Amino acid sequence: MQIFSLILRDSVGGRAVNLVPCETPQDIYQIVADKVIDKLSLDAEAPEDAPDVYSEKGLFLYNKKILSRVLIKMNINRKTTKRQVMVLPYGGTRESCREYTGEWLKAEAQSGRLALPARHTILGASCYLADVIWEAIGETVVAARNAMSFLQDMASLASRAGKALSWTAPTGFPVVQCYRNMKISRIKTRLGDKVLRMSLASEGRGIAAAKQRSAVAPNYVHSLDAAALMCTVEESRKSGISCFAMIHDSYGTHAADSGALARILRAVFIRMFGEKTQSPLELWMHEILESIPERHRKDAPELPETGGLNVADVARSAFFFA
């Protein structure tokens, strides 16, 4: 979410993930939880009674006013919203939000902290609360959602053209995302007196469009994560730092060099995503479009709009990396 906020200059999401200077660390999970509480309070205090909500099959799900008055009394906190927010940049959907919300509600009910009103079930409560959480997430991480939608639409465009995705990371590293349709072969064999039935999966020729779409956002972000790490190590070596403990997006070195490492990594991110740099997302789009036939390019989605975040503020953000 830091990377998406940097790419799209999202000042709202950027503040929530510590891209700008703050006296205390920002907790995006708690920020979303606070917005959920505000929304539940509005529903609970609505002047008019809310109508019952039913599923498409006519099954009663919930009454918004009755259920909100119960949920508002619970200890809704960062634990309530963490998984839903955390998986969003990795392809999280409204359905996954409902699933994780249902698991939290079920645990609360089993512990005795939640007593559902008459006729209400965990399923119905999770449908309502998940919608509230999903809306709160959308108000907090606007850039992540917009960037994800753009990446996924571009992946679908390439799949329709029969092409895999390939792009170049800022370090020059070539990245290829090519998930193909899998062919499943059923095998029946004997082992002693037993008959075994097994499945053997092999890669086919066609592009797996659904997998290409769902995987592109995390793979794209990880390619930028890796580039930032490599550039940080390279710049640190120039400054005389030679010992590193690096795991994906966790940077470490000896305590005596940690201040220098902190300054260098911030400078690297500003260089990668700063005002004087062409948008990595725009560069990525041009590379993808160049790889597909011209007749498909007219269907390309528009780049998401950018906000007013000053990327240079990262240099003064104590909690950007901690």
Protein backbone atom coordinates (compact mmCIF):
# COMPACT_ATOMS: atom_id res chain seq x y z
CA MET A 1 0.00 0.00 0.00
CA GLN A 2 2.98 2.30 0.51
CA ILE A 3 4.07 1.63 -3.07
CA PHE A 4 0.60 2.16 -4.54
CA SER A 5 0.24 5.39 -2.57
CA LEU A 6 3.63 6.59 -3.82
CA ILE A 7 2.86 5.74 -7.44
CA LEU A 8 -0.50 7.54 -7.42
CA ARG A 9 0.52 10.33 -5.00
CA ASP A 10 -2.33 9.35 -2.66
CA SER A 11 -2.19 11.74 0.29
CA VAL A 12 -4.97 9.97 2.25
CA GLY A 13 -3.55 6.46 1.95
CA GLY A 14 -0.02 7.86 2.19
CA ARG A 15 -0.68 9.32 5.62
CA ALA A 16 -2.27 6.05 6.76
CA VAL A 17 0.87 4.06 5.85
CA ASN A 18 3.44 6.52 7.23
CA LEU A 19 4.65 8.21 4.04
CA VAL A 20 4.46 11.67 5.60
CA PRO A 21 5.94 13.00 8.86
CA CYS A 22 3.82 12.29 11.95
CA GLU A 23 4.58 12.50 15.66
CA THR A 24 3.30 8.95 16.22
CA PRO A 25 3.19 5.93 13.90
CA GLN A 26 0.00 5.61 11.88
CA ASP A 27 -1.90 2.32 12.13
CA ILE A 28 -3.93 1.76 8.98
CA TYR A 29 -5.82 -1.16 10.53
CA GLN A 30 -7.00 1.00 13.43
CA ILE A 31 -7.79 3.89 11.08
CA VAL A 32 -10.15 1.61 9.14
CA ALA A 33 -11.59 0.25 12.41
CA ASP A 34 -12.34 3.80 13.61
CA LYS A 35 -14.20 4.52 10.38
CA VAL A 36 -16.17 1.30 10.82
CA ILE A 37 -17.21 2.41 14.31
CA ASP A 38 -18.35 5.78 12.93
CA LYS A 39 -20.45 4.09 10.25
CA LEU A 40 -22.02 1.66 12.71
CA SER A 41 -22.87 4.59 14.98
CA LEU A 42 -24.68 6.37 12.15
CA ASP A 43 -26.70 3.24 11.34
CA ALA A 44 -27.51 2.66 15.02
CA GLU A 45 -28.72 6.24 15.51
CA ALA A 46 -30.72 6.48 12.29
CA PRO A 47 -34.05 8.19 12.99
CA GLU A 48 -36.09 5.69 10.99
CA ASP A 49 -36.31 1.93 11.36
CA ALA A 50 -34.35 0.08 8.70
CA PRO A 51 -36.05 -2.60 6.58
CA ASP A 52 -34.97 -6.22 6.88
CA VAL A 53 -32.38 -7.37 4.34
CA TYR A 54 -32.82 -10.71 2.59
CA SER A 55 -30.61 -12.80 0.34
CA GLU A 56 -31.41 -13.47 -3.31
CA LYS A 57 -33.05 -16.73 -2.21
CA GLY A 58 -35.29 -14.92 0.25
CA LEU A 59 -33.31 -15.86 3.36
CA PHE A 60 -33.35 -13.26 6.14
CA LEU A 61 -29.86 -11.79 6.64
CA TYR A 62 -30.07 -8.80 8.97
CA ASN A 63 -31.76 -5.64 10.09
CA LYS A 64 -29.20 -2.85 9.81
CA LYS A 65 -30.43 -0.80 12.76
CA ILE A 66 -30.87 -3.73 15.14
CA LEU A 67 -27.55 -5.35 14.23
CA SER A 68 -25.53 -2.13 14.28
CA ARG A 69 -26.67 -1.43 17.85
CA VAL A 70 -25.24 -4.79 18.90
CA LEU A 71 -21.99 -4.51 16.96
CA ILE A 72 -21.26 -0.96 18.14
CA LYS A 73 -21.03 -2.29 21.71
CA MET A 74 -18.28 -4.72 20.74
CA ASN A 75 -14.57 -3.99 20.90
CA ILE A 76 -14.06 -3.28 17.21
CA ASN A 77 -10.34 -2.61 16.78
CA ARG A 78 -7.40 -3.23 14.45
CA LYS A 79 -7.79 -6.99 14.88
CA THR A 80 -11.29 -6.72 13.41
CA THR A 81 -10.04 -5.18 10.16
CA LYS A 82 -6.42 -6.29 9.85
CA ARG A 83 -6.78 -9.29 7.56
CA GLN A 84 -9.27 -7.56 5.27
CA VAL A 85 -6.95 -4.56 4.82
CA MET A 86 -3.75 -6.60 4.66
CA VAL A 87 -4.82 -8.80 1.74
CA LEU A 88 -6.29 -5.97 -0.36
CA PRO A 89 -3.13 -5.26 -2.40
CA TYR A 90 -2.77 -9.01 -2.96
CA GLY A 91 -6.07 -9.36 -4.75
CA GLY A 92 -8.44 -9.11 -1.80
CA THR A 93 -12.11 -8.99 -2.81
CA ARG A 94 -15.42 -8.18 -1.18
CA GLU A 95 -15.98 -11.93 -0.79
CA SER A 96 -12.66 -12.46 0.99
CA CYS A 97 -13.56 -9.48 3.19
CA ARG A 98 -16.82 -11.20 4.13
CA GLU A 99 -15.01 -14.47 4.81
CA TYR A 100 -12.46 -12.90 7.19
CA THR A 101 -15.17 -10.83 8.85
CA GLY A 102 -17.22 -13.98 9.42
CA GLU A 103 -14.23 -15.70 11.03
CA TRP A 104 -13.77 -12.78 13.42
CA LEU A 105 -17.47 -12.73 14.33
CA LYS A 106 -17.50 -16.48 14.87
CA ALA A 107 -14.54 -16.24 17.25
CA GLU A 108 -16.25 -13.42 19.14
CA ALA A 109 -19.45 -15.46 19.44
CA GLN A 110 -17.60 -18.56 20.66
CA SER A 111 -15.84 -16.52 23.32
CA GLY A 112 -19.13 -15.13 24.58
CA ARG A 113 -18.34 -11.54 23.59
CA LEU A 114 -21.02 -11.49 20.90
CA ALA A 115 -24.69 -12.32 21.41
CA LEU A 116 -26.57 -11.95 18.14
CA PRO A 117 -30.11 -10.55 18.14
CA ALA A 118 -33.06 -12.82 17.43
CA ARG A 119 -33.17 -14.22 13.86
CA HIS A 120 -29.64 -13.00 13.16
CA THR A 121 -26.83 -15.40 12.23
CA ILE A 122 -23.08 -15.19 11.74
CA LEU A 123 -23.68 -15.27 7.98
CA GLY A 124 -26.01 -12.30 8.03
CA ALA A 125 -23.87 -10.34 10.48
CA SER A 126 -20.77 -10.95 8.37
CA CYS A 127 -22.57 -9.71 5.24
CA TYR A 128 -23.48 -6.46 6.95
CA LEU A 129 -20.22 -5.83 8.81
CA ALA A 130 -18.13 -6.80 5.77
CA ASP A 131 -19.95 -4.21 3.66
CA VAL A 132 -19.18 -1.57 6.31
CA ILE A 133 -15.51 -2.62 6.49
CA TRP A 134 -15.20 -2.71 2.69
CA GLU A 135 -16.57 0.82 2.44
CA ALA A 136 -14.19 2.05 5.17
CA ILE A 137 -11.24 0.44 3.37
CA GLY A 138 -12.23 2.15 0.13
CA GLU A 139 -12.18 5.54 1.85
CA THR A 140 -8.71 4.89 3.28
CA VAL A 141 -6.76 3.12 0.54
CA VAL A 142 -8.13 4.74 -2.61
CA ALA A 143 -4.90 4.42 -4.58
CA ALA A 144 -4.47 0.72 -3.87
CA ARG A 145 -7.89 -0.09 -5.26
CA ASN A 146 -7.50 2.12 -8.32
CA ALA A 147 -4.02 0.83 -9.12
CA MET A 148 -5.10 -2.79 -8.64
CA SER A 149 -8.07 -2.35 -10.97
CA PHE A 150 -5.83 -0.79 -13.61
CA LEU A 151 -3.24 -3.59 -13.37
CA GLN A 152 -5.92 -6.27 -13.52
CA ASP A 153 -7.64 -4.70 -16.52
CA MET A 154 -4.31 -4.51 -18.34
CA ALA A 155 -3.64 -8.17 -17.52
CA SER A 156 -7.05 -9.12 -18.93
CA LEU A 157 -6.31 -7.11 -22.08
CA ALA A 158 -3.03 -8.96 -22.60
CA SER A 159 -4.73 -12.32 -22.01
CA ARG A 160 -7.37 -11.57 -24.64
CA ALA A 161 -4.50 -10.88 -27.03
CA GLY A 162 -2.96 -14.23 -26.07
CA LYS A 163 0.09 -12.60 -24.49
CA ALA A 164 1.83 -13.06 -21.17
CA LEU A 165 2.93 -10.05 -19.14
CA SER A 166 6.52 -8.90 -19.25
CA TRP A 167 8.08 -5.75 -17.86
CA THR A 168 11.39 -4.32 -16.70
CA ALA A 169 11.97 -3.45 -13.06
CA PRO A 170 13.73 -0.13 -12.27
CA THR A 171 16.98 -2.06 -11.84
CA GLY A 172 16.75 -3.45 -15.38
CA PHE A 173 15.66 -6.87 -14.16
CA PRO A 174 13.27 -8.55 -16.65
CA VAL A 175 10.03 -9.81 -15.12
CA VAL A 176 7.74 -12.32 -16.86
CA GLN A 177 4.34 -13.39 -15.56
CA CYS A 178 3.00 -16.30 -17.57
CA TYR A 179 0.44 -18.56 -15.92
CA ARG A 180 -0.88 -21.13 -18.37
CA ASN A 181 -3.99 -23.26 -18.28
CA MET A 182 -3.38 -26.54 -16.52
CA LYS A 183 -4.31 -29.90 -18.01
CA ILE A 184 -5.42 -32.49 -15.45
CA SER A 185 -4.83 -36.16 -16.25
CA ARG A 186 -6.48 -38.86 -14.16
CA ILE A 187 -4.35 -41.88 -13.41
CA LYS A 188 -5.59 -45.21 -12.06
CA THR A 189 -2.97 -47.65 -10.88
CA ARG A 190 -2.37 -50.44 -8.38
CA LEU A 191 -0.12 -50.55 -5.37
CA GLY A 192 -0.24 -54.07 -4.00
CA ASP A 193 -3.88 -54.92 -3.38
CA LYS A 194 -5.01 -51.30 -3.45
CA VAL A 195 -6.28 -49.29 -6.41
CA LEU A 196 -5.01 -45.71 -6.40
CA ARG A 197 -6.57 -42.84 -8.31
CA MET A 198 -4.32 -39.82 -8.74
CA SER A 199 -4.31 -36.58 -10.67
CA LEU A 200 -1.36 -35.29 -12.66
CA ALA A 201 -1.30 -31.60 -13.58
CA SER A 202 0.67 -30.43 -16.59
CA GLU A 203 1.01 -27.00 -18.17
CA GLY A 204 -1.04 -26.37 -21.30
CA ARG A 205 -0.65 -23.81 -24.05
CA GLY A 206 -3.33 -21.25 -23.37
CA ILE A 207 -2.95 -18.27 -21.03
CA ALA A 208 -4.81 -18.68 -17.71
CA ALA A 209 -6.62 -15.34 -17.87
CA ALA A 210 -8.12 -15.47 -14.37
CA LYS A 211 -4.78 -16.31 -12.77
CA GLN A 212 -3.00 -13.61 -14.79
CA ARG A 213 -5.53 -11.07 -13.55
CA SER A 214 -5.46 -12.06 -9.88
CA ALA A 215 -1.66 -12.34 -9.66
CA VAL A 216 -0.56 -9.17 -11.43
CA ALA A 217 -0.97 -6.71 -8.53
CA PRO A 218 1.17 -8.59 -5.99
CA ASN A 219 3.74 -9.57 -8.60
CA TYR A 220 4.07 -5.99 -9.81
CA VAL A 221 4.48 -4.64 -6.28
CA HIS A 222 7.01 -7.33 -5.42
CA SER A 223 9.07 -6.42 -8.47
CA LEU A 224 9.26 -2.84 -7.17
CA ASP A 225 9.97 -4.05 -3.64
CA ALA A 226 12.89 -6.09 -4.97
CA ALA A 227 14.18 -3.16 -7.01
CA ALA A 228 14.10 -0.88 -3.97
CA LEU A 229 16.01 -3.43 -1.92
CA MET A 230 18.69 -3.91 -4.59
CA CYS A 231 19.13 -0.16 -5.08
CA THR A 232 19.34 0.36 -1.32
CA VAL A 233 22.08 -2.24 -0.97
CA GLU A 234 24.00 -0.77 -3.90
CA GLU A 235 23.82 2.77 -2.53
CA SER A 236 24.72 1.56 0.96
CA ARG A 237 27.80 -0.20 -0.35
CA LYS A 238 28.95 3.07 -1.89
CA SER A 239 28.66 4.60 1.60
CA GLY A 240 30.82 1.89 3.15
CA ILE A 241 28.07 -0.35 4.54
CA SER A 242 28.85 -3.96 3.72
CA CYS A 243 26.75 -6.01 6.19
CA PHE A 244 23.05 -6.54 5.54
CA ALA A 245 20.13 -8.56 6.86
CA MET A 246 17.46 -8.28 4.19
CA ILE A 247 14.17 -10.16 3.89
CA HIS A 248 11.88 -8.91 1.12
CA ASP A 249 10.90 -5.50 2.54
CA SER A 250 12.73 -5.69 5.87
CA TYR A 251 16.11 -3.96 5.87
CA GLY A 252 18.74 -4.41 8.54
CA THR A 253 22.41 -3.75 9.23
CA HIS A 254 24.67 -3.19 12.24
CA ALA A 255 23.35 -0.68 14.77
CA ALA A 256 26.20 1.75 14.03
CA ASP A 257 25.11 1.95 10.38
CA SER A 258 21.34 1.86 10.88
CA GLY A 259 20.96 5.66 10.69
CA ALA A 260 22.79 5.80 7.38
CA LEU A 261 20.75 2.88 6.04
CA ALA A 262 17.54 4.67 7.03
CA ARG A 263 18.54 7.81 5.14
CA ILE A 264 19.67 5.86 2.08
CA LEU A 265 16.55 3.76 1.72
CA ARG A 266 14.37 6.88 1.92
CA ALA A 267 16.48 8.54 -0.77
CA VAL A 268 16.09 5.43 -2.97
CA PHE A 269 12.29 5.47 -2.68
CA ILE A 270 12.17 9.19 -3.47
CA ARG A 271 14.35 8.59 -6.52
CA MET A 272 12.16 5.69 -7.70
CA PHE A 273 8.82 7.42 -7.17
CA GLY A 274 9.67 11.13 -6.98
CA GLU A 275 8.25 14.06 -8.89
CA LYS A 276 11.07 14.06 -11.45
CA THR A 277 10.57 10.40 -12.26
CA GLN A 278 8.10 9.15 -14.87
CA SER A 279 5.39 7.11 -13.19
CA PRO A 280 6.45 3.44 -12.86
CA LEU A 281 2.85 2.52 -13.65
CA GLU A 282 2.94 4.49 -16.90
CA LEU A 283 6.23 2.88 -17.91
CA TRP A 284 4.75 -0.53 -17.11
CA MET A 285 1.68 0.19 -19.23
CA HIS A 286 3.78 1.19 -22.25
CA GLU A 287 5.82 -2.01 -22.00
CA ILE A 288 2.69 -4.15 -21.87
CA LEU A 289 1.07 -2.32 -24.78
CA GLU A 290 4.19 -2.73 -26.91
CA SER A 291 3.96 -6.51 -26.47
CA ILE A 292 0.39 -6.92 -27.72
CA PRO A 293 -1.05 -6.47 -31.24
CA GLU A 294 -2.01 -2.92 -32.13
CA ARG A 295 -5.69 -3.78 -32.64
CA HIS A 296 -6.00 -4.55 -28.92
CA ARG A 297 -4.33 -1.38 -27.67
CA LYS A 298 -7.39 0.79 -28.20
CA ASP A 299 -9.12 -1.13 -25.39
CA ALA A 300 -6.46 -0.25 -22.82
CA PRO A 301 -7.81 1.28 -19.59
CA GLU A 302 -6.87 4.83 -18.65
CA LEU A 303 -4.18 5.41 -16.07
CA PRO A 304 -5.60 6.19 -12.62
CA GLU A 305 -5.57 9.82 -11.57
CA THR A 306 -2.81 11.00 -9.26
CA GLY A 307 -3.22 13.01 -6.06
CA GLY A 308 -1.22 15.65 -4.26
CA LEU A 309 1.14 13.61 -2.09
CA ASN A 310 4.65 15.09 -1.97
CA VAL A 311 6.92 12.07 -2.32
CA ALA A 312 9.86 14.05 -0.92
CA ASP A 313 8.09 14.02 2.48
CA VAL A 314 9.26 10.43 2.84
CA ALA A 315 12.70 11.78 3.76
CA ARG A 316 11.25 13.31 6.94
CA SER A 317 8.93 10.44 7.88
CA ALA A 318 10.37 8.70 10.93
CA PHE A 319 7.99 5.74 10.63
CA PHE A 320 8.23 5.08 6.88
CA PHE A 321 10.53 2.19 7.73
CA ALA A 322 10.95 1.43 11.42
